[in-house]
N, C-alpha and C. Protein backbone atom coordinates (compact mmCIF):
# COMPACT_ATOMS: atom_id res chain seq x y z
N MET A 1 -1.33 152.35 137.40
CA MET A 1 -1.91 151.50 136.39
C MET A 1 -2.07 152.29 135.10
N PRO A 2 -1.60 151.74 133.97
CA PRO A 2 -1.68 152.49 132.72
C PRO A 2 -3.11 152.61 132.22
N ASN A 3 -3.40 153.74 131.61
CA ASN A 3 -4.72 153.90 131.02
C ASN A 3 -4.69 153.43 129.56
N ALA A 4 -5.84 153.42 128.91
CA ALA A 4 -5.95 152.91 127.53
C ALA A 4 -5.08 153.71 126.58
N ALA A 5 -4.96 155.01 126.79
CA ALA A 5 -4.14 155.85 125.91
C ALA A 5 -2.68 155.47 126.03
N THR A 6 -2.21 155.17 127.26
CA THR A 6 -0.81 154.79 127.46
C THR A 6 -0.52 153.46 126.77
N VAL A 7 -1.40 152.49 126.90
CA VAL A 7 -1.22 151.18 126.26
C VAL A 7 -1.21 151.35 124.74
N GLU A 8 -2.16 152.14 124.22
CA GLU A 8 -2.22 152.35 122.78
C GLU A 8 -0.95 153.02 122.29
N ASN A 9 -0.44 154.02 123.00
CA ASN A 9 0.79 154.69 122.61
C ASN A 9 1.98 153.74 122.70
N SER A 10 2.01 152.86 123.70
CA SER A 10 3.09 151.89 123.84
C SER A 10 3.11 150.94 122.66
N ASN A 11 1.92 150.47 122.26
CA ASN A 11 1.84 149.57 121.11
C ASN A 11 2.29 150.28 119.83
N PHE A 12 1.87 151.53 119.68
CA PHE A 12 2.28 152.30 118.52
C PHE A 12 3.80 152.43 118.47
N TRP A 13 4.41 152.72 119.63
CA TRP A 13 5.86 152.83 119.69
C TRP A 13 6.53 151.52 119.31
N PHE A 14 6.01 150.39 119.85
CA PHE A 14 6.60 149.08 119.57
C PHE A 14 6.51 148.74 118.09
N VAL A 15 5.33 148.94 117.48
CA VAL A 15 5.15 148.66 116.06
C VAL A 15 6.04 149.58 115.23
N GLY A 16 6.08 150.85 115.60
CA GLY A 16 6.93 151.80 114.89
C GLY A 16 8.41 151.42 114.96
N ALA A 17 8.85 151.02 116.15
CA ALA A 17 10.25 150.61 116.31
C ALA A 17 10.55 149.37 115.48
N ALA A 18 9.64 148.41 115.45
CA ALA A 18 9.83 147.18 114.67
C ALA A 18 9.91 147.50 113.18
N LEU A 19 9.02 148.37 112.70
CA LEU A 19 9.05 148.75 111.29
C LEU A 19 10.33 149.50 110.95
N PHE A 20 10.76 150.39 111.83
CA PHE A 20 12.00 151.12 111.60
C PHE A 20 13.18 150.17 111.53
N PHE A 21 13.27 149.22 112.46
CA PHE A 21 14.37 148.26 112.48
C PHE A 21 14.39 147.44 111.19
N ALA A 22 13.23 146.96 110.75
CA ALA A 22 13.15 146.14 109.53
C ALA A 22 13.58 146.95 108.32
N ALA A 23 13.17 148.23 108.27
CA ALA A 23 13.51 149.06 107.11
C ALA A 23 14.97 149.44 107.07
N CYS A 24 15.52 149.82 108.20
CA CYS A 24 16.90 150.30 108.18
C CYS A 24 17.92 149.21 108.38
N CYS A 25 17.58 148.20 109.13
CA CYS A 25 18.57 147.22 109.56
C CYS A 25 18.37 145.84 108.97
N GLY A 26 17.26 145.61 108.33
CA GLY A 26 17.02 144.33 107.68
C GLY A 26 16.15 143.42 108.51
N SER A 27 15.61 142.44 107.84
CA SER A 27 14.78 141.45 108.52
C SER A 27 15.65 140.37 109.10
N SER A 28 15.04 139.44 109.82
CA SER A 28 15.81 138.35 110.41
C SER A 28 16.42 137.48 109.34
N SER A 29 15.76 137.33 108.16
CA SER A 29 16.36 136.53 107.09
C SER A 29 17.58 137.24 106.52
N ALA A 30 17.54 138.56 106.44
CA ALA A 30 18.73 139.29 105.98
C ALA A 30 19.86 139.15 106.98
N LEU A 31 19.51 139.16 108.26
CA LEU A 31 20.55 138.99 109.26
C LEU A 31 21.15 137.60 109.19
N ALA A 32 20.33 136.60 108.93
CA ALA A 32 20.85 135.23 108.79
C ALA A 32 21.78 135.14 107.59
N GLN A 33 21.46 135.83 106.50
CA GLN A 33 22.32 135.81 105.33
C GLN A 33 23.65 136.48 105.63
N ASP A 34 23.65 137.54 106.43
CA ASP A 34 24.89 138.21 106.78
C ASP A 34 25.86 137.23 107.44
N GLY A 35 25.35 136.26 108.19
CA GLY A 35 26.20 135.27 108.82
C GLY A 35 26.91 134.40 107.80
N ALA A 36 26.39 134.37 106.57
CA ALA A 36 27.00 133.57 105.51
C ALA A 36 27.91 134.42 104.64
N ASN A 37 28.08 135.67 104.97
CA ASN A 37 28.85 136.59 104.15
C ASN A 37 29.93 137.25 105.00
N SER A 38 31.18 137.15 104.54
CA SER A 38 32.26 137.77 105.28
C SER A 38 32.80 139.01 104.56
N CYS A 39 32.07 139.49 103.57
CA CYS A 39 32.52 140.66 102.82
C CYS A 39 32.25 141.95 103.58
N PRO A 40 33.15 142.91 103.47
CA PRO A 40 32.84 144.24 103.99
C PRO A 40 31.75 144.88 103.12
N VAL A 41 31.24 146.01 103.53
CA VAL A 41 30.15 146.69 102.84
C VAL A 41 30.50 146.96 101.37
N ASP A 42 31.75 147.30 101.06
CA ASP A 42 32.12 147.61 99.68
C ASP A 42 32.44 146.38 98.84
N GLY A 43 32.23 145.17 99.35
CA GLY A 43 32.44 143.95 98.59
C GLY A 43 33.76 143.27 98.91
N CYS A 44 33.91 142.06 98.40
CA CYS A 44 35.14 141.28 98.61
C CYS A 44 36.10 141.49 97.44
N PHE A 45 37.36 141.72 97.76
CA PHE A 45 38.39 141.89 96.76
C PHE A 45 39.58 141.01 97.12
N VAL A 46 40.16 140.37 96.13
CA VAL A 46 41.35 139.56 96.35
C VAL A 46 42.31 139.82 95.20
N THR A 47 43.59 139.94 95.52
CA THR A 47 44.63 140.11 94.51
C THR A 47 45.75 139.12 94.76
N ILE A 48 46.55 138.91 93.73
CA ILE A 48 47.74 138.06 93.84
C ILE A 48 48.92 139.00 94.08
N GLU A 49 49.48 138.95 95.27
CA GLU A 49 50.58 139.83 95.63
C GLU A 49 51.92 139.29 95.16
N ALA A 50 52.06 137.96 95.13
CA ALA A 50 53.32 137.35 94.72
C ALA A 50 53.07 135.93 94.25
N VAL A 51 53.97 135.46 93.38
CA VAL A 51 53.93 134.07 92.92
C VAL A 51 55.36 133.57 92.91
N GLU A 52 55.58 132.37 93.44
CA GLU A 52 56.91 131.76 93.42
C GLU A 52 56.76 130.26 93.21
N THR A 53 57.85 129.62 92.84
CA THR A 53 57.79 128.18 92.65
C THR A 53 57.67 127.48 94.00
N ASP A 54 57.01 126.33 93.96
CA ASP A 54 56.82 125.49 95.15
C ASP A 54 56.95 124.05 94.67
N GLY A 55 58.19 123.59 94.48
CA GLY A 55 58.44 122.29 93.86
C GLY A 55 57.98 122.36 92.41
N ASP A 56 57.08 121.46 92.01
CA ASP A 56 56.54 121.46 90.65
C ASP A 56 55.33 122.37 90.52
N GLU A 57 54.88 122.96 91.60
CA GLU A 57 53.70 123.82 91.60
C GLU A 57 54.08 125.28 91.83
N LEU A 58 53.09 126.13 91.94
CA LEU A 58 53.29 127.56 92.20
C LEU A 58 52.61 127.94 93.50
N LYS A 59 53.28 128.77 94.28
CA LYS A 59 52.71 129.28 95.53
C LYS A 59 52.30 130.73 95.32
N LEU A 60 51.03 130.99 95.54
CA LEU A 60 50.49 132.34 95.40
C LEU A 60 50.34 132.96 96.78
N THR A 61 50.65 134.23 96.87
CA THR A 61 50.39 134.99 98.09
C THR A 61 49.27 135.97 97.76
N PHE A 62 48.18 135.85 98.50
CA PHE A 62 47.00 136.68 98.27
C PHE A 62 46.98 137.89 99.21
N ASP A 63 46.28 138.92 98.76
CA ASP A 63 45.90 140.02 99.62
C ASP A 63 44.40 140.19 99.42
N ALA A 64 43.65 140.09 100.50
CA ALA A 64 42.18 140.20 100.41
C ALA A 64 41.67 141.12 101.51
N ASN A 65 40.53 141.72 101.27
CA ASN A 65 39.92 142.57 102.28
C ASN A 65 38.87 141.82 103.10
N PHE A 66 38.95 140.48 103.07
CA PHE A 66 38.06 139.63 103.86
C PHE A 66 38.85 138.40 104.30
N GLU A 67 38.35 137.72 105.29
CA GLU A 67 38.99 136.50 105.78
C GLU A 67 38.33 135.32 105.07
N PRO A 68 39.01 134.69 104.10
CA PRO A 68 38.40 133.59 103.37
C PRO A 68 37.98 132.44 104.29
N ASN A 69 36.80 131.91 104.02
CA ASN A 69 36.23 130.83 104.81
C ASN A 69 35.29 130.07 103.87
N MET A 70 35.48 128.77 103.72
CA MET A 70 34.67 128.00 102.77
C MET A 70 33.18 128.07 103.07
N SER A 71 32.81 128.25 104.32
CA SER A 71 31.39 128.31 104.66
C SER A 71 30.81 129.71 104.45
N LYS A 72 31.66 130.64 104.05
CA LYS A 72 31.22 132.00 103.78
C LYS A 72 31.77 132.39 102.42
N ASN A 73 32.62 133.40 102.37
CA ASN A 73 33.25 133.82 101.12
C ASN A 73 34.66 133.27 101.06
N HIS A 74 35.06 132.84 99.87
CA HIS A 74 36.39 132.26 99.69
C HIS A 74 36.92 132.66 98.31
N ILE A 75 38.00 132.04 97.89
CA ILE A 75 38.70 132.43 96.66
C ILE A 75 38.61 131.32 95.62
N HIS A 76 38.34 131.69 94.38
CA HIS A 76 38.42 130.76 93.25
C HIS A 76 39.69 131.08 92.48
N VAL A 77 40.47 130.03 92.18
CA VAL A 77 41.72 130.15 91.44
C VAL A 77 41.57 129.33 90.16
N TRP A 78 42.01 129.89 89.02
CA TRP A 78 41.91 129.17 87.76
C TRP A 78 42.97 129.66 86.77
N TRP A 79 43.14 128.87 85.71
CA TRP A 79 44.05 129.23 84.62
C TRP A 79 43.28 130.11 83.64
N GLY A 80 43.73 131.35 83.50
CA GLY A 80 43.01 132.37 82.74
C GLY A 80 42.80 132.09 81.27
N GLU A 81 43.73 131.45 80.62
CA GLU A 81 43.54 131.17 79.20
C GLU A 81 42.52 130.05 78.97
N ASN A 82 42.27 129.26 80.00
CA ASN A 82 41.36 128.13 79.85
C ASN A 82 39.89 128.50 80.08
N TYR A 83 39.65 129.50 80.96
CA TYR A 83 38.28 129.86 81.29
C TYR A 83 38.18 131.35 81.59
N GLY A 84 37.01 131.92 81.30
CA GLY A 84 36.71 133.30 81.67
C GLY A 84 36.17 133.34 83.09
N VAL A 85 36.15 134.50 83.68
CA VAL A 85 35.71 134.65 85.07
C VAL A 85 34.28 134.16 85.28
N LYS A 86 33.39 134.37 84.33
CA LYS A 86 32.01 133.93 84.48
C LYS A 86 31.88 132.41 84.48
N GLN A 87 32.89 131.71 83.95
CA GLN A 87 32.86 130.26 83.90
C GLN A 87 33.29 129.60 85.20
N VAL A 88 33.95 130.34 86.09
CA VAL A 88 34.46 129.74 87.33
C VAL A 88 33.49 129.97 88.48
N SER A 89 32.23 129.70 88.16
CA SER A 89 31.13 129.94 89.09
C SER A 89 30.14 128.79 88.99
N ALA A 90 29.59 128.38 90.11
CA ALA A 90 28.60 127.31 90.10
C ALA A 90 27.36 127.70 89.30
N ASN A 91 27.10 128.99 89.17
CA ASN A 91 25.93 129.44 88.42
C ASN A 91 26.30 129.96 87.03
N ALA A 92 27.40 129.47 86.48
CA ALA A 92 27.88 129.92 85.17
C ALA A 92 26.80 129.78 84.09
N GLU A 93 26.19 128.62 84.03
CA GLU A 93 25.19 128.38 82.99
C GLU A 93 23.88 129.10 83.28
N GLY A 94 23.41 129.03 84.51
CA GLY A 94 22.11 129.62 84.86
C GLY A 94 22.08 131.13 84.84
N VAL A 95 23.13 131.77 85.30
CA VAL A 95 23.14 133.24 85.40
C VAL A 95 23.86 133.88 84.22
N TYR A 96 25.01 133.32 83.82
CA TYR A 96 25.83 133.96 82.79
C TYR A 96 25.70 133.32 81.41
N SER A 97 24.97 132.23 81.31
CA SER A 97 24.76 131.52 80.03
C SER A 97 26.07 131.13 79.36
N VAL A 98 27.03 130.66 80.17
CA VAL A 98 28.29 130.16 79.65
C VAL A 98 28.54 128.77 80.24
N GLU A 99 29.33 127.98 79.54
CA GLU A 99 29.66 126.65 80.03
C GLU A 99 30.52 126.77 81.28
N GLN A 100 30.17 125.96 82.27
CA GLN A 100 30.93 125.99 83.52
C GLN A 100 32.34 125.47 83.29
N GLY A 101 33.32 126.17 83.87
CA GLY A 101 34.71 125.79 83.73
C GLY A 101 35.24 125.06 84.95
N VAL A 102 36.55 125.05 85.06
CA VAL A 102 37.24 124.37 86.15
C VAL A 102 38.03 125.39 86.95
N TRP A 103 37.86 125.34 88.26
CA TRP A 103 38.57 126.23 89.17
C TRP A 103 38.85 125.45 90.44
N TYR A 104 39.64 126.07 91.32
CA TYR A 104 39.88 125.47 92.62
C TYR A 104 39.41 126.45 93.68
N PRO A 105 38.48 126.05 94.55
CA PRO A 105 38.05 126.92 95.64
C PRO A 105 38.99 126.75 96.83
N THR A 106 39.37 127.86 97.43
CA THR A 106 40.27 127.76 98.58
C THR A 106 39.97 128.85 99.60
N ASP A 107 40.24 128.50 100.85
CA ASP A 107 40.27 129.50 101.91
C ASP A 107 41.66 129.54 102.53
N ASP A 108 42.63 128.90 101.86
CA ASP A 108 44.02 129.02 102.30
C ASP A 108 44.43 130.48 102.15
N TYR A 109 44.90 131.06 103.22
CA TYR A 109 45.22 132.49 103.20
C TYR A 109 46.27 132.80 104.24
N PRO A 110 47.30 133.52 103.94
CA PRO A 110 47.47 134.31 102.72
C PRO A 110 48.18 133.56 101.59
N THR A 111 48.60 132.31 101.81
CA THR A 111 49.28 131.59 100.72
C THR A 111 48.51 130.35 100.32
N TYR A 112 48.66 130.00 99.07
CA TYR A 112 48.00 128.83 98.48
C TYR A 112 48.93 128.26 97.41
N SER A 113 49.08 126.95 97.37
CA SER A 113 49.88 126.30 96.32
C SER A 113 48.96 125.57 95.36
N THR A 114 49.23 125.75 94.08
CA THR A 114 48.42 125.09 93.05
C THR A 114 48.50 123.58 93.20
N GLY A 115 47.54 122.92 92.66
CA GLY A 115 47.48 121.46 92.71
C GLY A 115 46.12 121.01 92.23
N GLY A 116 45.90 119.72 92.21
CA GLY A 116 44.61 119.19 91.79
C GLY A 116 44.24 119.65 90.40
N VAL A 117 43.00 120.13 90.25
CA VAL A 117 42.49 120.52 88.93
C VAL A 117 43.17 121.74 88.34
N ILE A 118 43.87 122.52 89.15
CA ILE A 118 44.63 123.64 88.59
C ILE A 118 46.12 123.47 88.81
N SER A 119 46.54 122.25 88.88
CA SER A 119 47.97 121.95 88.96
C SER A 119 48.68 122.50 87.73
N VAL A 120 49.93 122.78 87.87
CA VAL A 120 50.75 123.19 86.73
C VAL A 120 50.66 122.14 85.63
N ALA A 121 50.63 120.88 86.00
CA ALA A 121 50.55 119.78 85.04
C ALA A 121 49.21 119.75 84.30
N GLU A 122 48.16 120.38 84.86
CA GLU A 122 46.82 120.36 84.26
C GLU A 122 46.51 121.62 83.46
N ARG A 123 47.45 122.54 83.33
CA ARG A 123 47.17 123.86 82.76
C ARG A 123 47.07 123.89 81.25
N GLY A 124 47.54 122.85 80.56
CA GLY A 124 47.60 122.90 79.10
C GLY A 124 48.64 123.92 78.70
N ASP A 125 48.27 124.85 77.83
CA ASP A 125 49.19 125.91 77.40
C ASP A 125 49.02 127.20 78.19
N ALA A 126 48.17 127.20 79.18
CA ALA A 126 47.89 128.41 79.95
C ALA A 126 49.13 128.88 80.72
N VAL A 127 49.27 130.20 80.81
CA VAL A 127 50.41 130.80 81.52
C VAL A 127 49.97 131.93 82.45
N THR A 128 48.67 132.00 82.72
CA THR A 128 48.13 133.07 83.55
C THR A 128 47.23 132.48 84.62
N LEU A 129 47.51 132.81 85.88
CA LEU A 129 46.65 132.40 87.00
C LEU A 129 45.73 133.57 87.37
N CYS A 130 44.49 133.23 87.69
CA CYS A 130 43.50 134.25 88.03
C CYS A 130 42.82 133.92 89.36
N VAL A 131 42.30 134.96 90.02
CA VAL A 131 41.58 134.81 91.28
C VAL A 131 40.38 135.75 91.32
N THR A 132 39.35 135.31 92.04
CA THR A 132 38.20 136.16 92.32
C THR A 132 37.53 135.65 93.59
N ALA A 133 36.71 136.47 94.18
CA ALA A 133 35.97 136.09 95.39
C ALA A 133 34.67 135.40 95.01
N SER A 134 34.26 134.45 95.85
CA SER A 134 33.01 133.73 95.62
C SER A 134 32.29 133.52 96.95
N ASP A 135 31.04 133.08 96.84
CA ASP A 135 30.28 132.82 98.06
C ASP A 135 30.33 131.33 98.41
N ARG A 136 29.66 130.96 99.48
CA ARG A 136 29.72 129.58 99.94
C ARG A 136 29.07 128.60 98.97
N ASN A 137 28.27 129.10 98.03
CA ASN A 137 27.67 128.25 97.00
C ASN A 137 28.55 128.14 95.77
N HIS A 138 29.73 128.73 95.83
CA HIS A 138 30.70 128.76 94.73
C HIS A 138 30.23 129.62 93.56
N ASP A 139 29.40 130.60 93.83
CA ASP A 139 29.01 131.58 92.83
C ASP A 139 29.95 132.77 92.97
N ILE A 140 30.52 133.23 91.85
CA ILE A 140 31.39 134.40 91.93
C ILE A 140 30.56 135.60 92.38
N LEU A 141 31.21 136.53 93.06
CA LEU A 141 30.47 137.67 93.61
C LEU A 141 30.26 138.77 92.58
N ASP A 142 31.27 139.03 91.75
CA ASP A 142 31.16 140.10 90.76
C ASP A 142 32.08 139.77 89.59
N PRO A 143 31.54 139.55 88.40
CA PRO A 143 32.38 139.18 87.27
C PRO A 143 33.31 140.30 86.80
N GLU A 144 33.14 141.49 87.34
CA GLU A 144 34.02 142.61 86.99
C GLU A 144 35.22 142.71 87.94
N ILE A 145 35.18 141.95 89.03
CA ILE A 145 36.25 142.07 90.03
C ILE A 145 37.03 140.76 90.10
N PHE A 146 38.17 140.74 89.43
CA PHE A 146 39.07 139.59 89.45
C PHE A 146 40.46 140.09 89.08
N GLU A 147 41.45 139.25 89.30
CA GLU A 147 42.82 139.61 88.91
C GLU A 147 43.49 138.39 88.30
N CYS A 148 44.30 138.64 87.28
CA CYS A 148 45.09 137.60 86.64
C CYS A 148 46.57 138.01 86.67
N ARG A 149 47.43 137.01 86.78
CA ARG A 149 48.87 137.27 86.85
C ARG A 149 49.58 136.31 85.89
N ALA A 150 50.40 136.85 84.98
CA ALA A 150 51.21 136.03 84.08
C ALA A 150 52.30 135.35 84.91
N VAL A 151 52.46 134.06 84.70
CA VAL A 151 53.44 133.29 85.47
C VAL A 151 54.37 132.47 84.58
N SER A 152 54.44 132.80 83.30
CA SER A 152 55.20 132.00 82.34
C SER A 152 56.66 131.83 82.76
N GLU A 153 57.26 132.84 83.36
CA GLU A 153 58.68 132.75 83.75
C GLU A 153 58.91 131.74 84.88
N LEU A 154 57.86 131.32 85.56
CA LEU A 154 57.99 130.36 86.65
C LEU A 154 57.61 128.93 86.25
N LEU A 155 57.15 128.76 85.03
CA LEU A 155 56.68 127.45 84.58
C LEU A 155 57.84 126.64 83.97
N PRO A 156 57.72 125.31 84.07
CA PRO A 156 58.78 124.46 83.49
C PRO A 156 58.77 124.51 81.97
């Protein structure tokens, strides 16, 4: 049968272990957020590896260090001359104080064909396609991490 000192030491160990876990490994809310994030520790990166014609549209081949998923992290595609990277985010106005632009969110990977709001027909005079990683709320992850590719030679 344990004595009072053993019980007290056991409780101390339990509380200490719980505090250590929370400090080093995160709380349960942080763990729940991790389930919404598919980025590796160093962040999500996506590049355009290739672009080719796909009928009247363009087919992009992506290279990313994460598996795009609309319920987690995915890719925003937009025409670079029409909008800046901070504009292709659901929080463009609230966080970056810029007017929200138009982009297409996708988890098509590794290839995606333009269409809809970023169709070749909707580009205006733009000749550059851009990509960046975003979260499930359509907020860009880092306005410094994006890539644009000139595609003028593939346009009609």
